[in-house]
Amino acid sequence: MTRRQVRSAIIGLVLGTGVALTSVALGTALLLGLAVAGTVVVVGRATADVEPEVGHERRVRRDGVRGEVQDLAWSLVGRDGRVGERALRRLRDAGVTRMARHGVALADPADAPRARELLGDRAYVTLTRMSHPLPSVADARHTIGALERLGSNSPETP
């Protein structure tokens, strides 16, 4: 207990004693004094120390790293067994970044043969599709696997 709480409890007891002296029954006066003292202690305790906020560490992730692809995997399922547009957009962003690290521009038709070689036809079509229907969850899962196998760093050149 802090000094303030002890002082408040004493004030409550003195108040209870004062009420007892003003012709209120002794039991009622003591009960009233204890109630006031208890209330003061509880209110003083509740507002005395503010809980410190727990600081959450924010990890800064580089674009295209494995964790980004893993974060994407849990949010893929959309309606009708198809991937949602938001998830597909994130998958494309991760794919563009990964491919750029290998020196391939995914949007450039001239780099299409190299992109197909690195990713495979199915993953390439999933990443470059710009119209409906949206790809299936299986196609997205395959693409995520292809991007993971590709890695986030460029290959070593001989």
N, C-alpha and C. Protein backbone atom coordinates (compact mmCIF):
# COMPACT_ATOMS: atom_id res chain seq x y z
N MET A 1 0.84 -1.20 0.00
CA MET A 1 0.00 0.00 0.00
C MET A 1 0.87 1.25 0.00
N THR A 2 0.41 2.24 -0.71
CA THR A 2 1.14 3.51 -0.74
C THR A 2 0.67 4.39 0.41
N ARG A 3 1.40 5.45 0.63
CA ARG A 3 1.01 6.39 1.68
C ARG A 3 -0.37 6.96 1.44
N ARG A 4 -0.65 7.27 0.21
CA ARG A 4 -1.95 7.83 -0.13
C ARG A 4 -3.08 6.88 0.23
N GLN A 5 -2.89 5.60 -0.05
CA GLN A 5 -3.92 4.62 0.27
C GLN A 5 -4.08 4.45 1.78
N VAL A 6 -2.97 4.45 2.51
CA VAL A 6 -3.06 4.34 3.98
C VAL A 6 -3.77 5.56 4.55
N ARG A 7 -3.42 6.72 4.05
CA ARG A 7 -4.06 7.95 4.52
C ARG A 7 -5.56 7.92 4.21
N SER A 8 -5.91 7.45 3.02
CA SER A 8 -7.33 7.36 2.66
C SER A 8 -8.07 6.36 3.53
N ALA A 9 -7.44 5.26 3.87
CA ALA A 9 -8.07 4.27 4.73
C ALA A 9 -8.29 4.84 6.13
N ILE A 10 -7.32 5.60 6.62
CA ILE A 10 -7.46 6.22 7.95
C ILE A 10 -8.59 7.24 7.93
N ILE A 11 -8.70 8.01 6.86
CA ILE A 11 -9.80 8.98 6.75
C ILE A 11 -11.14 8.25 6.77
N GLY A 12 -11.22 7.12 6.08
CA GLY A 12 -12.46 6.34 6.08
C GLY A 12 -12.80 5.83 7.47
N LEU A 13 -11.81 5.38 8.20
CA LEU A 13 -12.06 4.89 9.56
C LEU A 13 -12.47 6.03 10.49
N VAL A 14 -11.84 7.18 10.33
CA VAL A 14 -12.22 8.35 11.15
C VAL A 14 -13.64 8.77 10.83
N LEU A 15 -14.00 8.74 9.54
CA LEU A 15 -15.36 9.07 9.13
C LEU A 15 -16.35 8.10 9.75
N GLY A 16 -16.00 6.83 9.75
CA GLY A 16 -16.87 5.82 10.36
C GLY A 16 -17.02 6.05 11.85
N THR A 17 -15.95 6.43 12.51
CA THR A 17 -16.01 6.72 13.94
C THR A 17 -16.88 7.95 14.20
N GLY A 18 -16.75 8.95 13.34
CA GLY A 18 -17.57 10.15 13.47
C GLY A 18 -19.04 9.84 13.31
N VAL A 19 -19.36 8.97 12.38
CA VAL A 19 -20.76 8.59 12.18
C VAL A 19 -21.26 7.83 13.40
N ALA A 20 -20.39 7.01 14.01
CA ALA A 20 -20.78 6.25 15.20
C ALA A 20 -21.11 7.19 16.36
N LEU A 21 -20.41 8.29 16.45
CA LEU A 21 -20.65 9.24 17.54
C LEU A 21 -21.91 10.07 17.33
N THR A 22 -22.48 10.04 16.15
CA THR A 22 -23.68 10.83 15.88
C THR A 22 -24.94 10.00 15.98
N SER A 23 -24.95 9.11 16.90
CA SER A 23 -26.11 8.31 17.29
C SER A 23 -26.57 7.29 16.25
N VAL A 24 -25.70 6.90 15.35
CA VAL A 24 -26.00 5.80 14.45
C VAL A 24 -25.51 4.53 15.14
N ALA A 25 -26.16 3.44 14.93
CA ALA A 25 -25.77 2.19 15.58
C ALA A 25 -24.31 1.89 15.29
N LEU A 26 -23.61 1.33 16.29
CA LEU A 26 -22.18 1.09 16.21
C LEU A 26 -21.84 0.15 15.03
N GLY A 27 -22.59 -0.91 14.84
CA GLY A 27 -22.34 -1.85 13.75
C GLY A 27 -22.49 -1.19 12.39
N THR A 28 -23.51 -0.36 12.25
CA THR A 28 -23.74 0.35 11.00
C THR A 28 -22.61 1.33 10.72
N ALA A 29 -22.16 2.03 11.76
CA ALA A 29 -21.08 3.00 11.61
C ALA A 29 -19.79 2.32 11.20
N LEU A 30 -19.47 1.19 11.84
CA LEU A 30 -18.24 0.48 11.48
C LEU A 30 -18.31 -0.07 10.06
N LEU A 31 -19.47 -0.60 9.72
CA LEU A 31 -19.65 -1.11 8.37
C LEU A 31 -19.51 0.00 7.33
N LEU A 32 -20.08 1.16 7.62
CA LEU A 32 -19.97 2.30 6.72
C LEU A 32 -18.52 2.76 6.60
N GLY A 33 -17.83 2.81 7.72
CA GLY A 33 -16.42 3.21 7.70
C GLY A 33 -15.56 2.24 6.92
N LEU A 34 -15.78 0.95 7.11
CA LEU A 34 -15.02 -0.06 6.37
C LEU A 34 -15.34 0.00 4.87
N ALA A 35 -16.60 0.24 4.55
CA ALA A 35 -17.00 0.34 3.14
C ALA A 35 -16.32 1.53 2.47
N VAL A 36 -16.31 2.67 3.16
CA VAL A 36 -15.66 3.87 2.61
C VAL A 36 -14.16 3.62 2.48
N ALA A 37 -13.54 3.04 3.51
CA ALA A 37 -12.10 2.78 3.47
C ALA A 37 -11.77 1.80 2.34
N GLY A 38 -12.56 0.76 2.22
CA GLY A 38 -12.33 -0.22 1.14
C GLY A 38 -12.49 0.39 -0.23
N THR A 39 -13.51 1.21 -0.40
CA THR A 39 -13.75 1.86 -1.68
C THR A 39 -12.59 2.78 -2.04
N VAL A 40 -12.11 3.53 -1.06
CA VAL A 40 -10.99 4.45 -1.30
C VAL A 40 -9.74 3.66 -1.68
N VAL A 41 -9.49 2.54 -1.00
CA VAL A 41 -8.31 1.75 -1.32
C VAL A 41 -8.41 1.16 -2.73
N VAL A 42 -9.59 0.61 -3.08
CA VAL A 42 -9.76 0.01 -4.41
C VAL A 42 -9.64 1.06 -5.49
N VAL A 43 -10.29 2.21 -5.31
CA VAL A 43 -10.21 3.27 -6.33
C VAL A 43 -8.78 3.79 -6.42
N GLY A 44 -8.12 3.96 -5.29
CA GLY A 44 -6.73 4.41 -5.30
C GLY A 44 -5.83 3.41 -5.98
N ARG A 45 -6.08 2.13 -5.78
CA ARG A 45 -5.26 1.09 -6.39
C ARG A 45 -5.51 0.99 -7.90
N ALA A 46 -6.75 1.15 -8.28
CA ALA A 46 -7.10 1.03 -9.69
C ALA A 46 -6.50 2.16 -10.52
N THR A 47 -6.38 3.34 -9.96
CA THR A 47 -5.87 4.47 -10.72
C THR A 47 -4.43 4.82 -10.39
N ALA A 48 -3.82 4.09 -9.46
CA ALA A 48 -2.47 4.47 -9.02
C ALA A 48 -1.42 4.19 -10.08
N ASP A 49 -1.37 2.99 -10.57
CA ASP A 49 -0.31 2.61 -11.51
C ASP A 49 -0.93 2.24 -12.86
N VAL A 50 -0.51 2.95 -13.86
CA VAL A 50 -0.98 2.64 -15.21
C VAL A 50 -0.08 1.54 -15.75
N GLU A 51 -0.69 0.52 -16.32
CA GLU A 51 0.07 -0.57 -16.88
C GLU A 51 0.91 -0.07 -18.05
N PRO A 52 2.16 -0.44 -18.09
CA PRO A 52 2.96 -0.02 -19.24
C PRO A 52 2.53 -0.75 -20.50
N GLU A 53 2.60 -0.05 -21.61
CA GLU A 53 2.26 -0.67 -22.88
C GLU A 53 3.40 -1.56 -23.34
N VAL A 54 3.02 -2.71 -23.81
CA VAL A 54 4.02 -3.64 -24.31
C VAL A 54 4.40 -3.20 -25.72
N GLY A 55 5.65 -2.97 -25.92
CA GLY A 55 6.11 -2.55 -27.24
C GLY A 55 6.25 -3.76 -28.15
N HIS A 56 5.55 -3.73 -29.25
CA HIS A 56 5.65 -4.81 -30.21
C HIS A 56 6.77 -4.51 -31.18
N GLU A 57 7.66 -5.46 -31.32
CA GLU A 57 8.78 -5.27 -32.23
C GLU A 57 8.29 -5.45 -33.66
N ARG A 58 8.51 -4.44 -34.45
CA ARG A 58 8.12 -4.53 -35.85
C ARG A 58 9.33 -4.97 -36.64
N ARG A 59 9.17 -6.08 -37.28
CA ARG A 59 10.26 -6.57 -38.10
C ARG A 59 10.12 -6.01 -39.51
N VAL A 60 11.19 -5.47 -39.98
CA VAL A 60 11.19 -4.93 -41.33
C VAL A 60 11.59 -6.05 -42.26
N ARG A 61 10.72 -6.35 -43.19
CA ARG A 61 10.99 -7.44 -44.12
C ARG A 61 11.35 -6.86 -45.48
N ARG A 62 12.30 -7.50 -46.09
CA ARG A 62 12.64 -7.11 -47.46
C ARG A 62 11.60 -7.71 -48.39
N ASP A 63 11.38 -7.04 -49.49
CA ASP A 63 10.43 -7.55 -50.47
C ASP A 63 10.93 -8.85 -51.07
N GLY A 64 10.01 -9.80 -51.20
CA GLY A 64 10.33 -11.04 -51.88
C GLY A 64 10.99 -12.11 -51.04
N VAL A 65 11.20 -11.87 -49.76
CA VAL A 65 11.83 -12.89 -48.94
C VAL A 65 10.84 -14.00 -48.63
N ARG A 66 11.32 -15.10 -48.12
CA ARG A 66 10.49 -16.27 -47.88
C ARG A 66 9.31 -15.96 -46.96
N GLY A 67 9.51 -15.16 -45.93
CA GLY A 67 8.43 -14.82 -45.00
C GLY A 67 7.27 -14.13 -45.68
N GLU A 68 7.55 -13.33 -46.69
CA GLU A 68 6.49 -12.65 -47.42
C GLU A 68 5.61 -13.66 -48.14
N VAL A 69 6.22 -14.65 -48.74
CA VAL A 69 5.47 -15.67 -49.44
C VAL A 69 4.66 -16.50 -48.44
N GLN A 70 5.23 -16.80 -47.28
CA GLN A 70 4.51 -17.56 -46.26
C GLN A 70 3.32 -16.76 -45.73
N ASP A 71 3.49 -15.47 -45.50
CA ASP A 71 2.38 -14.64 -45.04
C ASP A 71 1.24 -14.63 -46.05
N LEU A 72 1.61 -14.69 -47.29
CA LEU A 72 0.60 -14.68 -48.34
C LEU A 72 -0.20 -15.98 -48.38
N ALA A 73 0.43 -17.08 -48.07
CA ALA A 73 -0.18 -18.40 -48.24
C ALA A 73 -1.46 -18.57 -47.42
N TRP A 74 -1.52 -18.01 -46.23
CA TRP A 74 -2.70 -18.23 -45.37
C TRP A 74 -3.92 -17.46 -45.85
N SER A 75 -3.74 -16.44 -46.66
CA SER A 75 -4.86 -15.59 -47.04
C SER A 75 -5.32 -15.79 -48.48
N LEU A 76 -5.06 -16.93 -49.04
CA LEU A 76 -5.33 -17.10 -50.47
C LEU A 76 -6.77 -17.44 -50.83
N VAL A 77 -7.45 -18.20 -50.03
CA VAL A 77 -8.73 -18.75 -50.46
C VAL A 77 -9.78 -17.66 -50.60
N GLY A 78 -10.33 -17.56 -51.79
CA GLY A 78 -11.39 -16.61 -52.07
C GLY A 78 -12.69 -17.36 -52.28
N ARG A 79 -13.57 -16.79 -53.06
CA ARG A 79 -14.85 -17.44 -53.35
C ARG A 79 -14.70 -18.48 -54.44
N ASP A 80 -15.55 -19.46 -54.42
CA ASP A 80 -15.63 -20.49 -55.46
C ASP A 80 -14.32 -21.23 -55.69
N GLY A 81 -13.51 -21.35 -54.64
CA GLY A 81 -12.25 -22.08 -54.78
C GLY A 81 -11.20 -21.35 -55.59
N ARG A 82 -11.42 -20.08 -55.84
CA ARG A 82 -10.47 -19.27 -56.60
C ARG A 82 -9.74 -18.33 -55.66
N VAL A 83 -8.59 -17.90 -56.10
CA VAL A 83 -7.80 -16.95 -55.33
C VAL A 83 -8.40 -15.56 -55.48
N GLY A 84 -8.42 -14.78 -54.40
CA GLY A 84 -8.93 -13.43 -54.47
C GLY A 84 -7.97 -12.49 -55.20
N GLU A 85 -8.50 -11.39 -55.68
CA GLU A 85 -7.66 -10.43 -56.43
C GLU A 85 -6.57 -9.84 -55.56
N ARG A 86 -6.89 -9.56 -54.31
CA ARG A 86 -5.89 -8.97 -53.40
C ARG A 86 -4.72 -9.94 -53.20
N ALA A 87 -5.03 -11.20 -52.97
CA ALA A 87 -3.98 -12.19 -52.78
C ALA A 87 -3.17 -12.38 -54.06
N LEU A 88 -3.86 -12.38 -55.19
CA LEU A 88 -3.16 -12.53 -56.47
C LEU A 88 -2.24 -11.33 -56.72
N ARG A 89 -2.67 -10.15 -56.34
CA ARG A 89 -1.85 -8.95 -56.50
C ARG A 89 -0.57 -9.08 -55.65
N ARG A 90 -0.71 -9.54 -54.42
CA ARG A 90 0.46 -9.72 -53.55
C ARG A 90 1.38 -10.80 -54.10
N LEU A 91 0.79 -11.86 -54.63
CA LEU A 91 1.59 -12.93 -55.22
C LEU A 91 2.38 -12.40 -56.42
N ARG A 92 1.71 -11.59 -57.23
CA ARG A 92 2.41 -11.00 -58.39
C ARG A 92 3.56 -10.10 -57.92
N ASP A 93 3.30 -9.28 -56.90
CA ASP A 93 4.36 -8.40 -56.39
C ASP A 93 5.58 -9.20 -55.92
N ALA A 94 5.30 -10.27 -55.18
CA ALA A 94 6.41 -11.12 -54.72
C ALA A 94 7.13 -11.76 -55.90
N GLY A 95 6.35 -12.19 -56.90
CA GLY A 95 6.96 -12.81 -58.08
C GLY A 95 7.80 -11.83 -58.87
N VAL A 96 7.31 -10.61 -59.04
CA VAL A 96 8.07 -9.59 -59.78
C VAL A 96 9.39 -9.31 -59.07
N THR A 97 9.34 -9.21 -57.74
CA THR A 97 10.56 -8.93 -56.98
C THR A 97 11.55 -10.08 -57.08
N ARG A 98 11.05 -11.30 -56.91
CA ARG A 98 11.94 -12.46 -57.00
C ARG A 98 12.56 -12.58 -58.39
N MET A 99 11.75 -12.38 -59.40
CA MET A 99 12.27 -12.51 -60.77
C MET A 99 13.27 -11.39 -61.07
N ALA A 100 13.03 -10.21 -60.56
CA ALA A 100 13.97 -9.09 -60.78
C ALA A 100 15.33 -9.41 -60.16
N ARG A 101 15.33 -10.12 -59.05
CA ARG A 101 16.60 -10.50 -58.43
C ARG A 101 17.37 -11.51 -59.28
N HIS A 102 16.67 -12.13 -60.19
CA HIS A 102 17.32 -13.07 -61.11
C HIS A 102 17.53 -12.43 -62.48
N GLY A 103 17.30 -11.13 -62.56
CA GLY A 103 17.55 -10.41 -63.80
C GLY A 103 16.46 -10.57 -64.85
N VAL A 104 15.26 -10.93 -64.42
CA VAL A 104 14.16 -11.16 -65.36
C VAL A 104 13.03 -10.20 -65.03
N ALA A 105 12.56 -9.47 -66.03
CA ALA A 105 11.39 -8.59 -65.85
C ALA A 105 10.16 -9.40 -66.24
N LEU A 106 9.32 -9.68 -65.28
CA LEU A 106 8.16 -10.54 -65.50
C LEU A 106 7.20 -9.94 -66.51
N ALA A 107 7.10 -8.62 -66.57
CA ALA A 107 6.16 -7.96 -67.48
C ALA A 107 6.71 -7.80 -68.90
N ASP A 108 7.98 -8.06 -69.07
CA ASP A 108 8.62 -7.88 -70.38
C ASP A 108 8.47 -9.15 -71.22
N PRO A 109 7.78 -9.07 -72.38
CA PRO A 109 7.61 -10.26 -73.22
C PRO A 109 8.94 -10.85 -73.70
N ALA A 110 9.97 -10.01 -73.81
CA ALA A 110 11.28 -10.51 -74.24
C ALA A 110 11.90 -11.45 -73.20
N ASP A 111 11.54 -11.28 -71.95
CA ASP A 111 12.06 -12.13 -70.88
C ASP A 111 11.18 -13.34 -70.61
N ALA A 112 10.11 -13.51 -71.37
CA ALA A 112 9.17 -14.61 -71.12
C ALA A 112 9.83 -15.99 -71.18
N PRO A 113 10.71 -16.28 -72.16
CA PRO A 113 11.32 -17.61 -72.18
C PRO A 113 12.16 -17.89 -70.92
N ARG A 114 12.91 -16.91 -70.48
CA ARG A 114 13.73 -17.09 -69.27
C ARG A 114 12.84 -17.25 -68.04
N ALA A 115 11.74 -16.47 -67.97
CA ALA A 115 10.82 -16.58 -66.84
C ALA A 115 10.16 -17.95 -66.82
N ARG A 116 9.77 -18.44 -67.98
CA ARG A 116 9.15 -19.78 -68.05
C ARG A 116 10.16 -20.86 -67.63
N GLU A 117 11.42 -20.65 -67.99
CA GLU A 117 12.46 -21.60 -67.61
C GLU A 117 12.65 -21.63 -66.09
N LEU A 118 12.63 -20.46 -65.46
CA LEU A 118 12.85 -20.39 -64.01
C LEU A 118 11.63 -20.85 -63.22
N LEU A 119 10.45 -20.46 -63.67
CA LEU A 119 9.23 -20.73 -62.90
C LEU A 119 8.47 -21.97 -63.34
N GLY A 120 8.51 -22.26 -64.61
CA GLY A 120 7.65 -23.29 -65.18
C GLY A 120 6.44 -22.62 -65.81
N ASP A 121 5.79 -23.31 -66.74
CA ASP A 121 4.67 -22.72 -67.49
C ASP A 121 3.49 -22.36 -66.58
N ARG A 122 3.13 -23.27 -65.69
CA ARG A 122 1.94 -23.06 -64.86
C ARG A 122 2.10 -21.84 -63.95
N ALA A 123 3.25 -21.71 -63.30
CA ALA A 123 3.49 -20.56 -62.41
C ALA A 123 3.59 -19.27 -63.22
N TYR A 124 4.22 -19.34 -64.39
CA TYR A 124 4.34 -18.14 -65.23
C TYR A 124 2.97 -17.63 -65.65
N VAL A 125 2.10 -18.54 -66.09
CA VAL A 125 0.75 -18.15 -66.51
C VAL A 125 -0.02 -17.55 -65.34
N THR A 126 0.13 -18.14 -64.15
CA THR A 126 -0.56 -17.62 -62.96
C THR A 126 -0.10 -16.19 -62.65
N LEU A 127 1.18 -15.93 -62.75
CA LEU A 127 1.71 -14.60 -62.41
C LEU A 127 1.41 -13.56 -63.48
N THR A 128 1.24 -13.97 -64.72
CA THR A 128 1.04 -12.99 -65.78
C THR A 128 -0.41 -12.86 -66.22
N ARG A 129 -1.31 -13.65 -65.66
CA ARG A 129 -2.72 -13.58 -66.04
C ARG A 129 -3.29 -12.25 -65.55
N MET A 130 -3.93 -11.54 -66.48
CA MET A 130 -4.50 -10.23 -66.15
C MET A 130 -6.01 -10.19 -66.32
N SER A 131 -6.62 -11.33 -66.61
CA SER A 131 -8.06 -11.33 -66.83
C SER A 131 -8.69 -12.47 -66.04
N HIS A 132 -10.01 -12.49 -66.06
CA HIS A 132 -10.72 -13.56 -65.36
C HIS A 132 -10.73 -14.81 -66.22
N PRO A 133 -10.89 -15.96 -65.74
CA PRO A 133 -11.13 -16.29 -64.34
C PRO A 133 -9.84 -16.21 -63.54
N LEU A 134 -10.00 -15.94 -62.27
CA LEU A 134 -8.84 -15.91 -61.38
C LEU A 134 -8.29 -17.33 -61.24
N PRO A 135 -7.02 -17.45 -60.92
CA PRO A 135 -6.44 -18.80 -60.80
C PRO A 135 -7.01 -19.55 -59.60
N SER A 136 -6.92 -20.86 -59.68
CA SER A 136 -7.40 -21.70 -58.58
C SER A 136 -6.39 -21.65 -57.43
N VAL A 137 -6.82 -22.13 -56.29
CA VAL A 137 -5.93 -22.18 -55.13
C VAL A 137 -4.76 -23.12 -55.43
N ALA A 138 -5.03 -24.20 -56.15
CA ALA A 138 -3.95 -25.13 -56.51
C ALA A 138 -2.90 -24.44 -57.39
N ASP A 139 -3.37 -23.60 -58.33
CA ASP A 139 -2.42 -22.86 -59.17
C ASP A 139 -1.59 -21.90 -58.32
N ALA A 140 -2.23 -21.22 -57.39
CA ALA A 140 -1.50 -20.29 -56.52
C ALA A 140 -0.51 -21.04 -55.64
N ARG A 141 -0.92 -22.18 -55.11
CA ARG A 141 -0.03 -22.99 -54.28
C ARG A 141 1.19 -23.44 -55.09
N HIS A 142 0.95 -23.86 -56.31
CA HIS A 142 2.05 -24.27 -57.18
C HIS A 142 3.00 -23.09 -57.43
N THR A 143 2.42 -21.91 -57.65
CA THR A 143 3.24 -20.72 -57.91
C THR A 143 4.07 -20.34 -56.69
N ILE A 144 3.46 -20.44 -55.52
CA ILE A 144 4.21 -20.15 -54.29
C ILE A 144 5.38 -21.12 -54.16
N GLY A 145 5.14 -22.40 -54.44
CA GLY A 145 6.22 -23.38 -54.38
C GLY A 145 7.32 -23.06 -55.37
N ALA A 146 6.93 -22.63 -56.57
CA ALA A 146 7.93 -22.28 -57.59
C ALA A 146 8.76 -21.07 -57.14
N LEU A 147 8.10 -20.09 -56.55
CA LEU A 147 8.83 -18.92 -56.06
C LEU A 147 9.75 -19.28 -54.90
N GLU A 148 9.30 -20.18 -54.03
CA GLU A 148 10.16 -20.61 -52.93
C GLU A 148 11.37 -21.37 -53.44
N ARG A 149 11.16 -22.24 -54.41
CA ARG A 149 12.29 -22.98 -54.98
C ARG A 149 13.26 -22.04 -55.69
N LEU A 150 12.71 -20.98 -56.26
CA LEU A 150 13.54 -20.00 -56.97
C LEU A 150 14.46 -19.27 -56.00
N GLY A 151 13.97 -19.03 -54.80
CA GLY A 151 14.79 -18.35 -53.81
C GLY A 151 14.71 -16.84 -53.94
N SER A 152 15.18 -16.15 -52.91
CA SER A 152 15.07 -14.70 -52.92
C SER A 152 16.34 -14.03 -53.43
N ASN A 153 17.40 -14.77 -53.58
CA ASN A 153 18.66 -14.18 -54.05
C ASN A 153 18.95 -14.64 -55.47
N SER A 154 19.72 -13.83 -56.18
CA SER A 154 20.06 -14.21 -57.55
C SER A 154 21.04 -15.38 -57.53
N PRO A 155 20.97 -16.21 -58.56
CA PRO A 155 21.88 -17.35 -58.60
C PRO A 155 23.32 -16.91 -58.82
N GLU A 156 24.23 -17.73 -58.37
CA GLU A 156 25.64 -17.40 -58.58
C GLU A 156 26.00 -17.69 -60.05
N THR A 157 26.69 -16.76 -60.61
CA THR A 157 27.10 -16.96 -62.01
C THR A 157 28.48 -17.59 -62.03
N PRO A 158 28.71 -18.55 -62.93
CA PRO A 158 30.02 -19.23 -62.97
C PRO A 158 31.10 -18.33 -63.50
